[in-house]
Amino acid sequence: MSKEIIATADAPAAIGPYSQAIRSGDTVYLSGQIPLVPATMQLREGDMRAQVEQVFDNLAAVAVAAGGSLQDIVKLNIFLVDLGHFALVNEVMIERFGDHKPARAAIGVAALPRGAQVEMDGIMVVG
């Protein structure tokens, strides 16, 4: 099966040796996104809600570049430095996903790249 590298300037450039996403058949593997603003490659300023929204914006941009949308995500992984933000992530997720409820994991971690407080990756099915 062929593999296609997905890349878009509408999401942050990879900050390591990886792709924003890889498509294999109808499955797209979305790399982790932290709340970097694509134009500046700096963490989004503001409160935790702003950071969570930026992560969803970044995931959505990569999903679109791969021919899908957030509605095509079948598995979402959420990494939080402070699990106290779990309810806020749920609020923003409901706003972005509506009735679509992908399989999900929420994991507490000690630290994330660039001092981010939240990171998400996922698996999407398109086609």
C-alpha atoms as a PDB file:
ATOM      1  CA  MET A   1       0.000   0.000   0.000  1.00  0.00           C
ATOM      2  CA  SER A   2       1.352   3.433  -0.878  1.00  0.00           C
ATOM      3  CA  LYS A   3       1.987   6.127   1.693  1.00  0.00           C
ATOM      4  CA  GLU A   4       1.509   9.861   1.193  1.00  0.00           C
ATOM      5  CA  ILE A   5       3.109  12.578   3.306  1.00  0.00           C
ATOM      6  CA  ILE A   6       0.613  15.291   4.227  1.00  0.00           C
ATOM      7  CA  ALA A   7       1.945  18.822   4.662  1.00  0.00           C
ATOM      8  CA  THR A   8       0.259  22.212   4.927  1.00  0.00           C
ATOM      9  CA  ALA A   9       1.408  25.720   5.755  1.00  0.00           C
ATOM     10  CA  ASP A  10      -1.918  26.166   7.596  1.00  0.00           C
ATOM     11  CA  ALA A  11      -0.551  24.122  10.521  1.00  0.00           C
ATOM     12  CA  PRO A  12       2.780  24.399  12.323  1.00  0.00           C
ATOM     13  CA  ALA A  13       5.743  22.933  10.489  1.00  0.00           C
ATOM     14  CA  ALA A  14       7.142  19.778  12.043  1.00  0.00           C
ATOM     15  CA  ILE A  15       9.703  20.638  14.743  1.00  0.00           C
ATOM     16  CA  GLY A  16      11.503  17.318  14.369  1.00  0.00           C
ATOM     17  CA  PRO A  17      12.051  14.424  11.978  1.00  0.00           C
ATOM     18  CA  TYR A  18       8.379  13.648  11.312  1.00  0.00           C
ATOM     19  CA  SER A  19       5.494  14.594   9.022  1.00  0.00           C
ATOM     20  CA  GLN A  20       2.349  16.508   9.967  1.00  0.00           C
ATOM     21  CA  ALA A  21       0.461  13.406   8.856  1.00  0.00           C
ATOM     22  CA  ILE A  22       0.834  10.243   6.792  1.00  0.00           C
ATOM     23  CA  ARG A  23      -1.944   8.807   4.646  1.00  0.00           C
ATOM     24  CA  SER A  24      -1.967   5.077   3.988  1.00  0.00           C
ATOM     25  CA  GLY A  25      -5.006   4.019   1.975  1.00  0.00           C
ATOM     26  CA  ASP A  26      -8.065   5.584   3.626  1.00  0.00           C
ATOM     27  CA  THR A  27      -6.327   5.994   6.990  1.00  0.00           C
ATOM     28  CA  VAL A  28      -4.531   9.184   7.997  1.00  0.00           C
ATOM     29  CA  TYR A  29      -2.250   9.267  11.023  1.00  0.00           C
ATOM     30  CA  LEU A  30      -2.163  12.810  12.432  1.00  0.00           C
ATOM     31  CA  SER A  31       1.015  13.729  14.297  1.00  0.00           C
ATOM     32  CA  GLY A  32       0.798  15.444  17.653  1.00  0.00           C
ATOM     33  CA  GLN A  33      -0.114  19.115  17.596  1.00  0.00           C
ATOM     34  CA  ILE A  34       0.700  21.577  20.327  1.00  0.00           C
ATOM     35  CA  PRO A  35      -0.719  25.139  20.435  1.00  0.00           C
ATOM     36  CA  LEU A  36       1.812  26.651  18.029  1.00  0.00           C
ATOM     37  CA  VAL A  37       0.558  29.444  15.780  1.00  0.00           C
ATOM     38  CA  PRO A  38       1.576  28.391  12.252  1.00  0.00           C
ATOM     39  CA  ALA A  39       2.652  31.882  11.121  1.00  0.00           C
ATOM     40  CA  THR A  40       4.972  32.491  14.073  1.00  0.00           C
ATOM     41  CA  MET A  41       5.777  28.985  15.327  1.00  0.00           C
ATOM     42  CA  GLN A  42       5.278  30.390  18.837  1.00  0.00           C
ATOM     43  CA  LEU A  43       2.866  29.109  21.484  1.00  0.00           C
ATOM     44  CA  ARG A  44      -0.512  30.820  21.293  1.00  0.00           C
ATOM     45  CA  GLU A  45      -0.867  33.473  23.928  1.00  0.00           C
ATOM     46  CA  GLY A  46      -3.850  33.478  26.225  1.00  0.00           C
ATOM     47  CA  ASP A  47      -5.530  31.153  28.626  1.00  0.00           C
ATOM     48  CA  MET A  48      -5.835  27.388  28.422  1.00  0.00           C
ATOM     49  CA  ARG A  49      -9.002  27.619  26.290  1.00  0.00           C
ATOM     50  CA  ALA A  50      -7.047  29.566  23.657  1.00  0.00           C
ATOM     51  CA  GLN A  51      -4.347  26.889  23.668  1.00  0.00           C
ATOM     52  CA  VAL A  52      -6.833  24.028  23.324  1.00  0.00           C
ATOM     53  CA  GLU A  53      -8.596  25.868  20.492  1.00  0.00           C
ATOM     54  CA  GLN A  54      -5.259  26.358  18.702  1.00  0.00           C
ATOM     55  CA  VAL A  55      -4.520  22.643  18.936  1.00  0.00           C
ATOM     56  CA  PHE A  56      -7.915  21.857  17.365  1.00  0.00           C
ATOM     57  CA  ASP A  57      -7.271  24.523  14.676  1.00  0.00           C
ATOM     58  CA  ASN A  58      -3.950  22.845  13.874  1.00  0.00           C
ATOM     59  CA  LEU A  59      -5.468  19.359  13.751  1.00  0.00           C
ATOM     60  CA  ALA A  60      -8.290  20.640  11.550  1.00  0.00           C
ATOM     61  CA  ALA A  61      -5.825  22.236   9.104  1.00  0.00           C
ATOM     62  CA  VAL A  62      -3.901  18.983   8.720  1.00  0.00           C
ATOM     63  CA  ALA A  63      -7.162  17.026   8.407  1.00  0.00           C
ATOM     64  CA  VAL A  64      -8.295  19.321   5.575  1.00  0.00           C
ATOM     65  CA  ALA A  65      -4.911  18.984   3.833  1.00  0.00           C
ATOM     66  CA  ALA A  66      -5.431  15.199   3.958  1.00  0.00           C
ATOM     67  CA  GLY A  67      -8.906  15.466   2.414  1.00  0.00           C
ATOM     68  CA  GLY A  68     -10.967  15.256   5.595  1.00  0.00           C
ATOM     69  CA  SER A  69     -12.098  17.169   8.644  1.00  0.00           C
ATOM     70  CA  LEU A  70     -12.308  16.787  12.405  1.00  0.00           C
ATOM     71  CA  GLN A  71     -15.486  14.784  11.756  1.00  0.00           C
ATOM     72  CA  ASP A  72     -13.342  12.068  10.147  1.00  0.00           C
ATOM     73  CA  ILE A  73     -11.190  11.504  13.242  1.00  0.00           C
ATOM     74  CA  VAL A  74     -11.906   8.059  14.646  1.00  0.00           C
ATOM     75  CA  LYS A  75      -9.304   8.093  17.460  1.00  0.00           C
ATOM     76  CA  LEU A  76      -8.061  11.119  19.382  1.00  0.00           C
ATOM     77  CA  ASN A  77      -5.284  11.130  21.973  1.00  0.00           C
ATOM     78  CA  ILE A  78      -5.085  14.070  24.373  1.00  0.00           C
ATOM     79  CA  PHE A  79      -1.993  14.739  26.459  1.00  0.00           C
ATOM     80  CA  LEU A  80      -2.315  17.206  29.346  1.00  0.00           C
ATOM     81  CA  VAL A  81       0.317  18.452  31.757  1.00  0.00           C
ATOM     82  CA  ASP A  82      -2.525  19.219  34.205  1.00  0.00           C
ATOM     83  CA  LEU A  83      -5.498  16.845  34.130  1.00  0.00           C
ATOM     84  CA  GLY A  84      -7.428  19.598  35.906  1.00  0.00           C
ATOM     85  CA  HIS A  85      -8.028  20.987  32.397  1.00  0.00           C
ATOM     86  CA  PHE A  86      -9.885  17.831  31.345  1.00  0.00           C
ATOM     87  CA  ALA A  87     -13.352  19.444  31.665  1.00  0.00           C
ATOM     88  CA  LEU A  88     -12.256  22.437  29.568  1.00  0.00           C
ATOM     89  CA  VAL A  89     -10.933  20.134  26.837  1.00  0.00           C
ATOM     90  CA  ASN A  90     -14.306  18.350  26.853  1.00  0.00           C
ATOM     91  CA  GLU A  91     -16.125  21.696  26.439  1.00  0.00           C
ATOM     92  CA  VAL A  92     -14.025  22.723  23.448  1.00  0.00           C
ATOM     93  CA  MET A  93     -14.229  19.225  21.983  1.00  0.00           C
ATOM     94  CA  ILE A  94     -18.040  19.323  22.087  1.00  0.00           C
ATOM     95  CA  GLU A  95     -17.945  22.714  20.326  1.00  0.00           C
ATOM     96  CA  ARG A  96     -15.638  21.386  17.589  1.00  0.00           C
ATOM     97  CA  PHE A  97     -16.977  17.845  17.156  1.00  0.00           C
ATOM     98  CA  GLY A  98     -20.685  18.279  17.921  1.00  0.00           C
ATOM     99  CA  ASP A  99     -22.369  14.872  17.987  1.00  0.00           C
ATOM    100  CA  HIS A 100     -19.302  13.137  16.527  1.00  0.00           C
ATOM    101  CA  LYS A 101     -17.613  11.248  19.328  1.00  0.00           C
ATOM    102  CA  PRO A 102     -14.341   9.584  18.299  1.00  0.00           C
ATOM    103  CA  ALA A 103     -12.666   6.985  20.449  1.00  0.00           C
ATOM    104  CA  ARG A 104     -10.363   8.862  22.812  1.00  0.00           C
ATOM    105  CA  ALA A 105      -7.688   8.699  25.461  1.00  0.00           C
ATOM    106  CA  ALA A 106      -6.712  11.496  27.837  1.00  0.00           C
ATOM    107  CA  ILE A 107      -3.287  11.076  29.382  1.00  0.00           C
ATOM    108  CA  GLY A 108      -1.535  13.099  32.062  1.00  0.00           C
ATOM    109  CA  VAL A 109       2.111  13.792  31.237  1.00  0.00           C
ATOM    110  CA  ALA A 110       4.995  15.466  33.068  1.00  0.00           C
ATOM    111  CA  ALA A 111       5.956  17.800  30.203  1.00  0.00           C
ATOM    112  CA  LEU A 112       5.361  18.536  26.511  1.00  0.00           C
ATOM    113  CA  PRO A 113       7.517  20.133  23.790  1.00  0.00           C
ATOM    114  CA  ARG A 114       8.137  23.875  24.004  1.00  0.00           C
ATOM    115  CA  GLY A 115       6.467  24.047  27.417  1.00  0.00           C
ATOM    116  CA  ALA A 116       3.009  23.424  25.949  1.00  0.00           C
ATOM    117  CA  GLN A 117       0.243  22.398  28.326  1.00  0.00           C
ATOM    118  CA  VAL A 118      -1.718  20.311  25.791  1.00  0.00           C
ATOM    119  CA  GLU A 119      -0.970  18.119  22.782  1.00  0.00           C
ATOM    120  CA  MET A 120      -3.275  16.002  20.629  1.00  0.00           C
ATOM    121  CA  ASP A 121      -2.814  13.470  17.858  1.00  0.00           C
ATOM    122  CA  GLY A 122      -5.266  11.240  16.079  1.00  0.00           C
ATOM    123  CA  ILE A 123      -6.266   8.770  13.443  1.00  0.00           C
ATOM    124  CA  MET A 124      -8.642   9.757  10.671  1.00  0.00           C
ATOM    125  CA  VAL A 125     -10.441   7.676   8.049  1.00  0.00           C
ATOM    126  CA  VAL A 126     -11.263   9.358   4.718  1.00  0.00           C
ATOM    127  CA  GLY A 127     -12.335   8.209   1.282  1.00  0.00           C
END
